Amino acid sequence: MSTGAVRLVERYVYELYNDEQIDLVDEICGDPMTRHGAGSIRSLSRREQRERIVADLAAHQPKFTVVTLVGDETFASLTWNAERLTTGERLCGIEIFKVHDGVITDVWNPDYLEGSWS
């Protein structure tokens, strides 16, 4: 199986989030994994990453669909739509992922937007 950035991001979206396979954090997320936002950087251990995802799943039950996913062995660019099943709220986002040594080490993303990508 390829460990390129695109394949890891597919697993992150579909298996980790949509299928709620939380233990996958240990396999595909770096320790730490650094999240870059506008004006902020936050490095999360695998434990912290797992806790963040578990809390998001419990609070919102998001289900993602991939709009675009392109990249190479190191970087992947993802645009997605999601529905929070707890509220029916629809969100969309764009994220850039960096992979090193077969794990996601960095994610860049702005705040999520209401609505869906067309």
C-alpha atoms as a PDB file:
ATOM      1  CA  MET A   1       0.000   0.000   0.000  1.00  0.00           C
ATOM      2  CA  SER A   2       1.256   3.451  -0.874  1.00  0.00           C
ATOM      3  CA  THR A   3       2.181   5.691   2.025  1.00  0.00           C
ATOM      4  CA  GLY A   4       2.103   8.851  -0.089  1.00  0.00           C
ATOM      5  CA  ALA A   5       0.408  11.971   1.186  1.00  0.00           C
ATOM      6  CA  VAL A   6      -2.773  11.490  -0.863  1.00  0.00           C
ATOM      7  CA  ARG A   7      -3.313   7.940   0.421  1.00  0.00           C
ATOM      8  CA  LEU A   8      -2.707   8.960   4.041  1.00  0.00           C
ATOM      9  CA  VAL A   9      -5.161  11.846   3.756  1.00  0.00           C
ATOM     10  CA  GLU A  10      -7.776   9.498   2.271  1.00  0.00           C
ATOM     11  CA  ARG A  11      -7.316   7.264   5.308  1.00  0.00           C
ATOM     12  CA  TYR A  12      -7.465  10.284   7.635  1.00  0.00           C
ATOM     13  CA  VAL A  13     -10.814  11.393   6.187  1.00  0.00           C
ATOM     14  CA  TYR A  14     -12.558   8.100   5.469  1.00  0.00           C
ATOM     15  CA  GLU A  15     -11.171   5.678   8.035  1.00  0.00           C
ATOM     16  CA  LEU A  16     -10.197   7.890  10.973  1.00  0.00           C
ATOM     17  CA  TYR A  17     -13.101  10.340  10.811  1.00  0.00           C
ATOM     18  CA  ASN A  18     -15.965   8.786   8.860  1.00  0.00           C
ATOM     19  CA  ASP A  19     -15.395   5.230  10.141  1.00  0.00           C
ATOM     20  CA  GLU A  20     -14.238   6.464  13.582  1.00  0.00           C
ATOM     21  CA  GLN A  21     -11.165   4.211  13.633  1.00  0.00           C
ATOM     22  CA  ILE A  22      -9.485   6.243  16.380  1.00  0.00           C
ATOM     23  CA  ASP A  23      -6.537   3.845  16.813  1.00  0.00           C
ATOM     24  CA  LEU A  24      -5.460   4.847  13.300  1.00  0.00           C
ATOM     25  CA  VAL A  25      -3.996   8.017  14.864  1.00  0.00           C
ATOM     26  CA  ASP A  26      -1.035   5.904  16.035  1.00  0.00           C
ATOM     27  CA  GLU A  27      -0.411   4.656  12.501  1.00  0.00           C
ATOM     28  CA  ILE A  28      -0.874   7.735  10.316  1.00  0.00           C
ATOM     29  CA  CYS A  29      -0.332  10.804  12.534  1.00  0.00           C
ATOM     30  CA  GLY A  30       3.079  12.081  13.558  1.00  0.00           C
ATOM     31  CA  ASP A  31       4.100  12.530  17.170  1.00  0.00           C
ATOM     32  CA  PRO A  32       3.893  15.454  17.258  1.00  0.00           C
ATOM     33  CA  MET A  33       1.567  16.569  14.492  1.00  0.00           C
ATOM     34  CA  THR A  34       1.701  20.322  13.978  1.00  0.00           C
ATOM     35  CA  ARG A  35      -1.477  22.218  13.084  1.00  0.00           C
ATOM     36  CA  HIS A  36      -0.928  25.595  11.411  1.00  0.00           C
ATOM     37  CA  GLY A  37      -3.702  28.185  11.454  1.00  0.00           C
ATOM     38  CA  ALA A  38      -3.699  31.842  10.499  1.00  0.00           C
ATOM     39  CA  GLY A  39      -1.412  33.346  13.120  1.00  0.00           C
ATOM     40  CA  SER A  40      -1.117  30.170  15.185  1.00  0.00           C
ATOM     41  CA  ILE A  41       0.842  26.949  15.416  1.00  0.00           C
ATOM     42  CA  ARG A  42      -0.096  24.084  17.723  1.00  0.00           C
ATOM     43  CA  SER A  43       1.826  20.827  18.019  1.00  0.00           C
ATOM     44  CA  LEU A  44      -0.193  17.886  19.311  1.00  0.00           C
ATOM     45  CA  SER A  45       1.096  14.584  20.618  1.00  0.00           C
ATOM     46  CA  ARG A  46      -0.664  11.486  19.353  1.00  0.00           C
ATOM     47  CA  ARG A  47      -2.582  11.355  22.625  1.00  0.00           C
ATOM     48  CA  GLU A  48      -3.697  14.971  22.211  1.00  0.00           C
ATOM     49  CA  GLN A  49      -4.576  14.381  18.556  1.00  0.00           C
ATOM     50  CA  ARG A  50      -6.670  11.350  19.541  1.00  0.00           C
ATOM     51  CA  GLU A  51      -8.440  13.365  22.272  1.00  0.00           C
ATOM     52  CA  ARG A  52      -9.163  16.211  19.819  1.00  0.00           C
ATOM     53  CA  ILE A  53     -10.710  13.848  17.277  1.00  0.00           C
ATOM     54  CA  VAL A  54     -12.713  11.880  19.864  1.00  0.00           C
ATOM     55  CA  ALA A  55     -14.161  15.146  21.225  1.00  0.00           C
ATOM     56  CA  ASP A  56     -15.056  16.356  17.711  1.00  0.00           C
ATOM     57  CA  LEU A  57     -16.726  13.061  16.838  1.00  0.00           C
ATOM     58  CA  ALA A  58     -18.697  13.003  20.097  1.00  0.00           C
ATOM     59  CA  ALA A  59     -19.851  16.618  19.840  1.00  0.00           C
ATOM     60  CA  HIS A  60     -20.593  16.891  16.126  1.00  0.00           C
ATOM     61  CA  GLN A  61     -20.613  13.472  14.427  1.00  0.00           C
ATOM     62  CA  PRO A  62     -19.091  14.976  11.254  1.00  0.00           C
ATOM     63  CA  LYS A  63     -19.312  13.058   7.988  1.00  0.00           C
ATOM     64  CA  PHE A  64     -16.918  14.187   5.291  1.00  0.00           C
ATOM     65  CA  THR A  65     -16.932  14.014   1.524  1.00  0.00           C
ATOM     66  CA  VAL A  66     -13.847  14.804  -0.503  1.00  0.00           C
ATOM     67  CA  VAL A  67     -14.298  17.476  -3.172  1.00  0.00           C
ATOM     68  CA  THR A  68     -10.683  17.510  -4.389  1.00  0.00           C
ATOM     69  CA  LEU A  69      -7.594  15.669  -3.205  1.00  0.00           C
ATOM     70  CA  VAL A  70      -4.316  16.058  -5.075  1.00  0.00           C
ATOM     71  CA  GLY A  71      -0.690  15.729  -4.156  1.00  0.00           C
ATOM     72  CA  ASP A  72       2.491  13.736  -4.255  1.00  0.00           C
ATOM     73  CA  GLU A  73       4.561  11.714  -1.798  1.00  0.00           C
ATOM     74  CA  THR A  74       5.083  14.685   0.545  1.00  0.00           C
ATOM     75  CA  PHE A  75       2.141  17.090   0.251  1.00  0.00           C
ATOM     76  CA  ALA A  76      -1.605  16.722  -0.275  1.00  0.00           C
ATOM     77  CA  SER A  77      -4.199  19.433  -0.839  1.00  0.00           C
ATOM     78  CA  LEU A  78      -7.733  18.587   0.287  1.00  0.00           C
ATOM     79  CA  THR A  79     -11.023  20.419  -0.120  1.00  0.00           C
ATOM     80  CA  TRP A  80     -13.936  18.845   1.697  1.00  0.00           C
ATOM     81  CA  ASN A  81     -17.596  19.215   2.574  1.00  0.00           C
ATOM     82  CA  ALA A  82     -18.989  17.940   5.858  1.00  0.00           C
ATOM     83  CA  GLU A  83     -22.280  17.645   7.652  1.00  0.00           C
ATOM     84  CA  ARG A  84     -22.454  17.722  11.429  1.00  0.00           C
ATOM     85  CA  LEU A  85     -25.029  15.032  12.029  1.00  0.00           C
ATOM     86  CA  THR A  86     -25.823  16.394  15.506  1.00  0.00           C
ATOM     87  CA  THR A  87     -27.067  19.728  14.095  1.00  0.00           C
ATOM     88  CA  GLY A  88     -27.378  19.330  10.330  1.00  0.00           C
ATOM     89  CA  GLU A  89     -24.876  22.167   9.910  1.00  0.00           C
ATOM     90  CA  ARG A  90     -22.931  22.028   6.638  1.00  0.00           C
ATOM     91  CA  LEU A  91     -19.311  23.111   6.578  1.00  0.00           C
ATOM     92  CA  CYS A  92     -16.490  23.136   4.057  1.00  0.00           C
ATOM     93  CA  GLY A  93     -12.774  23.547   4.316  1.00  0.00           C
ATOM     94  CA  ILE A  94      -9.416  23.380   2.650  1.00  0.00           C
ATOM     95  CA  GLU A  95      -6.324  21.805   4.173  1.00  0.00           C
ATOM     96  CA  ILE A  96      -2.739  21.157   3.165  1.00  0.00           C
ATOM     97  CA  PHE A  97      -1.061  18.080   4.670  1.00  0.00           C
ATOM     98  CA  LYS A  98       2.648  17.274   4.875  1.00  0.00           C
ATOM     99  CA  VAL A  99       3.885  13.696   5.217  1.00  0.00           C
ATOM    100  CA  HIS A 100       7.311  12.605   6.449  1.00  0.00           C
ATOM    101  CA  ASP A 101       8.456   9.037   7.108  1.00  0.00           C
ATOM    102  CA  GLY A 102       4.984   7.672   6.366  1.00  0.00           C
ATOM    103  CA  VAL A 103       2.998   9.823   8.821  1.00  0.00           C
ATOM    104  CA  ILE A 104       1.181  13.157   8.650  1.00  0.00           C
ATOM    105  CA  THR A 105       3.420  15.695  10.377  1.00  0.00           C
ATOM    106  CA  ASP A 106       1.791  19.029   9.512  1.00  0.00           C
ATOM    107  CA  VAL A 107      -1.633  20.376   8.567  1.00  0.00           C
ATOM    108  CA  TRP A 108      -2.372  23.930   7.409  1.00  0.00           C
ATOM    109  CA  ASN A 109      -5.966  25.134   7.408  1.00  0.00           C
ATOM    110  CA  PRO A 110      -8.041  28.282   7.909  1.00  0.00           C
ATOM    111  CA  ASP A 111     -11.244  28.348   9.919  1.00  0.00           C
ATOM    112  CA  TYR A 112     -14.006  26.221   8.441  1.00  0.00           C
ATOM    113  CA  LEU A 113     -16.670  27.915   6.311  1.00  0.00           C
ATOM    114  CA  GLU A 114     -20.434  27.500   6.461  1.00  0.00           C
ATOM    115  CA  GLY A 115     -21.890  25.876   3.369  1.00  0.00           C
ATOM    116  CA  SER A 116     -20.454  23.554   0.765  1.00  0.00           C
ATOM    117  CA  TRP A 117     -17.969  23.794  -2.079  1.00  0.00           C
ATOM    118  CA  SER A 118     -19.752  23.868  -5.424  1.00  0.00           C
END
